[in-house]
N, C-alpha and C. Protein backbone atom coordinates (compact mmCIF):
# COMPACT_ATOMS: atom_id res chain seq x y z
N MET A 1 -2.17 -6.93 -11.67
CA MET A 1 -2.92 -5.88 -12.31
C MET A 1 -1.96 -5.03 -13.13
N HIS A 2 -2.48 -4.36 -14.11
CA HIS A 2 -1.68 -3.51 -14.99
C HIS A 2 -2.12 -2.06 -14.75
N VAL A 3 -1.27 -1.31 -14.04
CA VAL A 3 -1.63 0.04 -13.62
C VAL A 3 -1.36 1.06 -14.71
N ALA A 4 -0.23 0.90 -15.38
CA ALA A 4 0.18 1.82 -16.44
C ALA A 4 0.98 0.98 -17.43
N PRO A 5 1.21 1.48 -18.63
CA PRO A 5 1.96 0.69 -19.60
C PRO A 5 3.32 0.24 -19.03
N GLY A 6 3.52 -1.06 -19.05
CA GLY A 6 4.78 -1.63 -18.57
C GLY A 6 4.88 -1.78 -17.07
N ILE A 7 3.82 -1.48 -16.33
CA ILE A 7 3.85 -1.59 -14.88
C ILE A 7 2.80 -2.61 -14.44
N THR A 8 3.28 -3.69 -13.86
CA THR A 8 2.41 -4.75 -13.36
C THR A 8 2.66 -4.92 -11.88
N VAL A 9 1.59 -5.01 -11.12
CA VAL A 9 1.68 -5.26 -9.68
C VAL A 9 1.09 -6.64 -9.43
N ASP A 10 1.81 -7.45 -8.66
CA ASP A 10 1.38 -8.81 -8.38
C ASP A 10 1.32 -8.99 -6.87
N GLY A 11 0.25 -9.57 -6.37
CA GLY A 11 0.15 -9.79 -4.93
C GLY A 11 -1.16 -10.46 -4.58
N ARG A 12 -1.36 -10.66 -3.28
CA ARG A 12 -2.58 -11.27 -2.76
C ARG A 12 -3.19 -10.37 -1.71
N ILE A 13 -4.50 -10.37 -1.67
CA ILE A 13 -5.19 -9.54 -0.68
C ILE A 13 -6.02 -10.43 0.25
N ASP A 14 -6.30 -9.88 1.42
CA ASP A 14 -7.27 -10.48 2.32
C ASP A 14 -8.56 -9.71 2.09
N LEU A 15 -9.62 -10.45 1.85
CA LEU A 15 -10.89 -9.83 1.49
C LEU A 15 -11.97 -10.36 2.42
N ILE A 16 -12.77 -9.47 2.94
CA ILE A 16 -13.88 -9.85 3.80
C ILE A 16 -15.15 -9.27 3.22
N THR A 17 -16.16 -10.11 3.08
CA THR A 17 -17.49 -9.64 2.69
C THR A 17 -18.41 -9.88 3.88
N ARG A 18 -18.96 -8.80 4.39
CA ARG A 18 -19.85 -8.92 5.55
C ARG A 18 -21.21 -9.40 5.07
N LEU A 19 -21.64 -10.51 5.63
CA LEU A 19 -22.88 -11.13 5.19
C LEU A 19 -24.10 -10.29 5.54
N ASP A 20 -24.06 -9.55 6.66
CA ASP A 20 -25.23 -8.78 7.06
C ASP A 20 -25.42 -7.52 6.22
N THR A 21 -24.33 -6.92 5.73
CA THR A 21 -24.44 -5.67 4.97
C THR A 21 -24.03 -5.81 3.52
N GLY A 22 -23.31 -6.87 3.19
CA GLY A 22 -22.79 -7.04 1.84
C GLY A 22 -21.57 -6.18 1.56
N GLU A 23 -21.07 -5.49 2.57
CA GLU A 23 -19.91 -4.61 2.42
C GLU A 23 -18.64 -5.44 2.16
N THR A 24 -17.85 -4.99 1.19
CA THR A 24 -16.60 -5.65 0.85
C THR A 24 -15.44 -4.85 1.40
N SER A 25 -14.62 -5.51 2.22
CA SER A 25 -13.46 -4.87 2.83
C SER A 25 -12.18 -5.55 2.38
N ILE A 26 -11.21 -4.73 2.00
CA ILE A 26 -9.86 -5.22 1.75
C ILE A 26 -9.09 -4.97 3.03
N VAL A 27 -8.53 -6.03 3.59
CA VAL A 27 -7.99 -5.97 4.94
C VAL A 27 -6.51 -6.32 4.94
N ASP A 28 -5.78 -5.64 5.81
CA ASP A 28 -4.40 -6.00 6.08
C ASP A 28 -4.30 -6.26 7.58
N PHE A 29 -3.88 -7.46 7.94
CA PHE A 29 -3.71 -7.81 9.34
C PHE A 29 -2.29 -7.45 9.75
N LYS A 30 -2.13 -6.71 10.84
CA LYS A 30 -0.83 -6.24 11.30
C LYS A 30 -0.62 -6.59 12.76
N SER A 31 0.64 -6.62 13.15
CA SER A 31 1.00 -6.73 14.55
C SER A 31 2.23 -5.86 14.76
N THR A 32 2.47 -5.49 15.99
CA THR A 32 3.61 -4.64 16.30
C THR A 32 4.91 -5.29 15.86
N GLU A 33 4.99 -6.59 15.97
CA GLU A 33 6.22 -7.31 15.61
C GLU A 33 6.54 -7.18 14.13
N ARG A 34 5.53 -7.04 13.29
CA ARG A 34 5.75 -6.95 11.84
C ARG A 34 5.27 -5.61 11.32
N ALA A 35 5.49 -4.58 12.08
CA ALA A 35 4.96 -3.26 11.72
C ALA A 35 5.75 -2.63 10.57
N GLN A 36 5.06 -1.86 9.77
CA GLN A 36 5.68 -1.03 8.76
C GLN A 36 5.02 0.34 8.86
N ALA A 37 5.60 1.31 8.23
CA ALA A 37 5.08 2.67 8.32
C ALA A 37 3.62 2.71 7.87
N GLU A 38 2.82 3.52 8.55
CA GLU A 38 1.39 3.61 8.25
C GLU A 38 1.12 4.07 6.82
N ASP A 39 1.92 5.00 6.31
CA ASP A 39 1.69 5.49 4.95
C ASP A 39 1.97 4.39 3.92
N ILE A 40 2.92 3.51 4.22
CA ILE A 40 3.20 2.39 3.31
C ILE A 40 2.04 1.41 3.33
N THR A 41 1.54 1.10 4.51
CA THR A 41 0.39 0.20 4.62
C THR A 41 -0.81 0.78 3.90
N ARG A 42 -1.02 2.07 4.07
CA ARG A 42 -2.15 2.74 3.41
C ARG A 42 -2.03 2.64 1.89
N ASP A 43 -0.87 2.95 1.36
CA ASP A 43 -0.67 2.83 -0.09
C ASP A 43 -0.84 1.39 -0.55
N GLN A 44 -0.33 0.44 0.24
CA GLN A 44 -0.47 -0.97 -0.11
C GLN A 44 -1.94 -1.36 -0.22
N LEU A 45 -2.74 -0.94 0.72
CA LEU A 45 -4.17 -1.25 0.67
C LEU A 45 -4.86 -0.57 -0.52
N HIS A 46 -4.42 0.63 -0.85
CA HIS A 46 -4.99 1.32 -2.01
C HIS A 46 -4.64 0.58 -3.31
N VAL A 47 -3.42 0.08 -3.40
CA VAL A 47 -3.03 -0.73 -4.56
C VAL A 47 -3.92 -1.96 -4.65
N TYR A 48 -4.16 -2.61 -3.52
CA TYR A 48 -5.05 -3.77 -3.51
C TYR A 48 -6.45 -3.40 -3.98
N ALA A 49 -6.93 -2.22 -3.60
CA ALA A 49 -8.26 -1.79 -4.02
C ALA A 49 -8.33 -1.62 -5.54
N VAL A 50 -7.27 -1.07 -6.13
CA VAL A 50 -7.22 -0.93 -7.59
C VAL A 50 -7.22 -2.31 -8.23
N GLY A 51 -6.42 -3.22 -7.69
CA GLY A 51 -6.36 -4.58 -8.23
C GLY A 51 -7.69 -5.30 -8.12
N TYR A 52 -8.36 -5.14 -7.01
CA TYR A 52 -9.67 -5.77 -6.82
C TYR A 52 -10.66 -5.27 -7.87
N GLN A 53 -10.65 -3.96 -8.10
CA GLN A 53 -11.57 -3.40 -9.09
C GLN A 53 -11.22 -3.91 -10.49
N GLU A 54 -9.93 -3.98 -10.80
CA GLU A 54 -9.53 -4.46 -12.12
C GLU A 54 -9.93 -5.92 -12.31
N LEU A 55 -9.77 -6.70 -11.26
CA LEU A 55 -10.06 -8.13 -11.34
C LEU A 55 -11.55 -8.43 -11.42
N THR A 56 -12.35 -7.70 -10.62
CA THR A 56 -13.76 -8.05 -10.51
C THR A 56 -14.70 -7.10 -11.25
N GLY A 57 -14.22 -5.90 -11.56
CA GLY A 57 -15.09 -4.90 -12.16
C GLY A 57 -15.95 -4.18 -11.12
N ARG A 58 -15.75 -4.50 -9.84
CA ARG A 58 -16.48 -3.86 -8.75
C ARG A 58 -15.50 -3.15 -7.83
N ARG A 59 -15.96 -2.09 -7.23
CA ARG A 59 -15.11 -1.36 -6.28
C ARG A 59 -15.37 -1.89 -4.87
N ALA A 60 -14.28 -2.13 -4.12
CA ALA A 60 -14.43 -2.49 -2.71
C ALA A 60 -15.03 -1.30 -1.98
N ASP A 61 -15.69 -1.57 -0.87
CA ASP A 61 -16.31 -0.48 -0.10
C ASP A 61 -15.29 0.21 0.81
N VAL A 62 -14.45 -0.57 1.47
CA VAL A 62 -13.49 0.00 2.41
C VAL A 62 -12.17 -0.76 2.36
N VAL A 63 -11.13 -0.08 2.83
CA VAL A 63 -9.86 -0.74 3.13
C VAL A 63 -9.64 -0.53 4.62
N GLU A 64 -9.09 -1.53 5.28
CA GLU A 64 -8.90 -1.40 6.71
C GLU A 64 -7.70 -2.20 7.20
N VAL A 65 -7.10 -1.67 8.26
CA VAL A 65 -6.00 -2.34 8.92
C VAL A 65 -6.55 -2.87 10.23
N LEU A 66 -6.41 -4.18 10.40
CA LEU A 66 -6.83 -4.81 11.65
C LEU A 66 -5.58 -5.23 12.39
N ASN A 67 -5.33 -4.57 13.50
CA ASN A 67 -4.14 -4.85 14.28
C ASN A 67 -4.43 -6.01 15.23
N LEU A 68 -3.56 -7.01 15.22
CA LEU A 68 -3.77 -8.21 16.01
C LEU A 68 -3.32 -8.06 17.45
N ASP A 69 -2.64 -6.98 17.77
CA ASP A 69 -2.20 -6.74 19.14
C ASP A 69 -3.39 -6.32 20.01
N GLU A 70 -3.28 -6.58 21.29
CA GLU A 70 -4.38 -6.30 22.22
C GLU A 70 -4.84 -4.85 22.17
N LYS A 71 -3.90 -3.92 22.17
CA LYS A 71 -4.26 -2.50 22.14
C LYS A 71 -3.86 -1.86 20.81
N GLY A 72 -3.92 -2.66 19.76
CA GLY A 72 -3.49 -2.18 18.44
C GLY A 72 -4.44 -1.18 17.84
N LYS A 73 -3.90 -0.40 16.94
CA LYS A 73 -4.65 0.66 16.28
C LYS A 73 -5.44 0.08 15.10
N TYR A 74 -6.68 0.50 14.98
CA TYR A 74 -7.58 0.06 13.91
C TYR A 74 -7.76 1.23 12.95
N GLN A 75 -7.66 0.97 11.67
CA GLN A 75 -7.86 2.02 10.67
C GLN A 75 -8.85 1.54 9.63
N ARG A 76 -9.69 2.46 9.19
CA ARG A 76 -10.72 2.13 8.19
C ARG A 76 -10.90 3.34 7.29
N GLU A 77 -10.94 3.09 5.98
CA GLU A 77 -11.06 4.19 5.02
C GLU A 77 -11.99 3.76 3.89
N MET A 78 -12.92 4.63 3.55
CA MET A 78 -13.83 4.36 2.45
C MET A 78 -13.07 4.44 1.12
N VAL A 79 -13.40 3.55 0.20
CA VAL A 79 -12.78 3.55 -1.13
C VAL A 79 -13.63 4.44 -2.02
N ASN A 80 -12.96 5.38 -2.72
CA ASN A 80 -13.67 6.26 -3.66
C ASN A 80 -12.80 6.47 -4.90
N ASP A 81 -13.35 7.15 -5.89
CA ASP A 81 -12.63 7.35 -7.15
C ASP A 81 -11.33 8.12 -6.95
N SER A 82 -11.33 9.10 -6.06
CA SER A 82 -10.13 9.89 -5.80
C SER A 82 -9.01 9.03 -5.24
N LEU A 83 -9.34 8.17 -4.29
CA LEU A 83 -8.36 7.27 -3.70
C LEU A 83 -7.73 6.38 -4.78
N LEU A 84 -8.55 5.81 -5.64
CA LEU A 84 -8.06 4.92 -6.69
C LEU A 84 -7.21 5.68 -7.70
N SER A 85 -7.64 6.85 -8.07
CA SER A 85 -6.89 7.66 -9.03
C SER A 85 -5.54 8.09 -8.47
N ASP A 86 -5.53 8.51 -7.21
CA ASP A 86 -4.28 8.96 -6.57
C ASP A 86 -3.23 7.85 -6.54
N ILE A 87 -3.64 6.63 -6.17
CA ILE A 87 -2.64 5.56 -6.06
C ILE A 87 -2.17 5.13 -7.44
N LYS A 88 -3.03 5.16 -8.45
CA LYS A 88 -2.58 4.86 -9.81
C LYS A 88 -1.52 5.87 -10.25
N GLY A 89 -1.71 7.12 -9.89
CA GLY A 89 -0.73 8.16 -10.21
C GLY A 89 0.60 7.91 -9.51
N LYS A 90 0.55 7.52 -8.24
CA LYS A 90 1.78 7.23 -7.49
C LYS A 90 2.55 6.07 -8.12
N ILE A 91 1.84 5.05 -8.53
CA ILE A 91 2.48 3.88 -9.14
C ILE A 91 3.09 4.26 -10.48
N ALA A 92 2.36 5.01 -11.29
CA ALA A 92 2.89 5.43 -12.59
C ALA A 92 4.13 6.29 -12.42
N THR A 93 4.11 7.19 -11.44
CA THR A 93 5.27 8.05 -11.18
C THR A 93 6.47 7.21 -10.72
N ALA A 94 6.24 6.26 -9.83
CA ALA A 94 7.33 5.40 -9.36
C ALA A 94 7.92 4.60 -10.53
N GLY A 95 7.07 4.09 -11.40
CA GLY A 95 7.56 3.35 -12.56
C GLY A 95 8.39 4.23 -13.48
N ALA A 96 7.93 5.43 -13.73
CA ALA A 96 8.68 6.37 -14.59
C ALA A 96 10.01 6.73 -13.96
N ASP A 97 10.03 6.94 -12.64
CA ASP A 97 11.28 7.25 -11.95
C ASP A 97 12.27 6.09 -12.03
N LEU A 98 11.79 4.88 -11.88
CA LEU A 98 12.68 3.72 -12.00
C LEU A 98 13.26 3.61 -13.41
N ARG A 99 12.40 3.78 -14.42
CA ARG A 99 12.89 3.70 -15.80
C ARG A 99 13.92 4.77 -16.11
N ALA A 100 13.76 5.95 -15.54
CA ALA A 100 14.67 7.08 -15.80
C ALA A 100 15.85 7.10 -14.83
N ASN A 101 15.92 6.08 -13.97
CA ASN A 101 16.98 5.99 -12.97
C ASN A 101 17.00 7.21 -12.05
N ARG A 102 15.82 7.73 -11.76
CA ARG A 102 15.67 8.84 -10.80
C ARG A 102 15.38 8.24 -9.43
N LEU A 103 16.43 7.98 -8.70
CA LEU A 103 16.31 7.36 -7.38
C LEU A 103 17.07 8.20 -6.36
N PRO A 104 16.59 9.40 -6.09
CA PRO A 104 17.35 10.30 -5.21
C PRO A 104 17.42 9.78 -3.79
N ARG A 105 18.58 9.97 -3.18
CA ARG A 105 18.77 9.60 -1.78
C ARG A 105 18.27 10.73 -0.90
N LEU A 106 17.93 10.37 0.30
CA LEU A 106 17.63 11.40 1.28
C LEU A 106 18.94 12.13 1.58
N THR A 107 18.84 13.36 1.97
CA THR A 107 20.06 14.17 2.15
C THR A 107 20.92 13.70 3.31
N SER A 108 20.34 13.06 4.31
CA SER A 108 21.13 12.55 5.43
C SER A 108 20.42 11.35 6.04
N TRP A 109 21.16 10.60 6.84
CA TRP A 109 20.59 9.44 7.53
C TRP A 109 19.50 9.93 8.47
N CYS A 110 18.34 9.28 8.45
CA CYS A 110 17.22 9.74 9.27
C CYS A 110 16.40 8.54 9.74
N SER A 111 15.28 8.80 10.37
CA SER A 111 14.44 7.72 10.88
C SER A 111 13.89 6.85 9.74
N THR A 112 13.69 7.44 8.57
CA THR A 112 13.26 6.65 7.41
C THR A 112 14.33 5.63 7.05
N CYS A 113 15.58 6.05 7.06
CA CYS A 113 16.70 5.15 6.76
C CYS A 113 16.77 4.03 7.79
N GLU A 114 16.51 4.36 9.06
CA GLU A 114 16.57 3.37 10.14
C GLU A 114 15.65 2.19 9.89
N SER A 115 14.49 2.45 9.30
CA SER A 115 13.52 1.38 9.10
C SER A 115 13.51 0.83 7.68
N CYS A 116 14.39 1.33 6.82
CA CYS A 116 14.40 0.89 5.42
C CYS A 116 15.22 -0.39 5.27
N ASP A 117 14.64 -1.38 4.63
CA ASP A 117 15.34 -2.65 4.40
C ASP A 117 16.48 -2.50 3.40
N LEU A 118 16.45 -1.46 2.59
CA LEU A 118 17.45 -1.30 1.53
C LEU A 118 18.43 -0.18 1.81
N ALA A 119 18.46 0.35 3.01
CA ALA A 119 19.32 1.48 3.33
C ALA A 119 20.79 1.17 3.05
N GLY A 120 21.19 -0.06 3.25
CA GLY A 120 22.59 -0.46 3.00
C GLY A 120 23.00 -0.30 1.56
N LEU A 121 22.06 -0.33 0.63
CA LEU A 121 22.37 -0.12 -0.78
C LEU A 121 22.58 1.36 -1.07
N CYS A 122 21.97 2.18 -0.27
CA CYS A 122 21.95 3.61 -0.49
C CYS A 122 23.16 4.32 0.15
N ARG A 123 23.50 3.90 1.36
CA ARG A 123 24.59 4.56 2.10
C ARG A 123 24.99 3.72 3.28
N ASN A 124 26.10 4.07 3.87
CA ASN A 124 26.58 3.41 5.07
C ASN A 124 25.94 4.05 6.29
N HIS A 125 25.69 3.24 7.29
CA HIS A 125 25.16 3.77 8.54
C HIS A 125 26.22 4.63 9.20
N PRO A 126 25.86 5.83 9.66
CA PRO A 126 26.88 6.72 10.26
C PRO A 126 27.45 6.15 11.56
């Protein structure tokens, strides 16, 4: 999908259409073993919702996280214009920051750094 000039997002979504209600859900299946921060998953699903709308011309009804663990957390969120607009803004801002080489580091090593796959590029572990 093309979110803003020069910004393209490429990926695949899991999509469920409920036959009894016709509701369209964009789903992300998660497990504790492959967990990522909830805000990242939420943004990821919102990006998928924008892509789905761009591809089909229709808006998905909900985005949801289905946790495959026995006592996993389930999340469900209705898709609306505000949600779609907000994530488009986040993507455009991220693209502008990358182009301008605005990649500020966190001021110190923290829990975010602990879970970041790219922390080694940013700084050494204390």
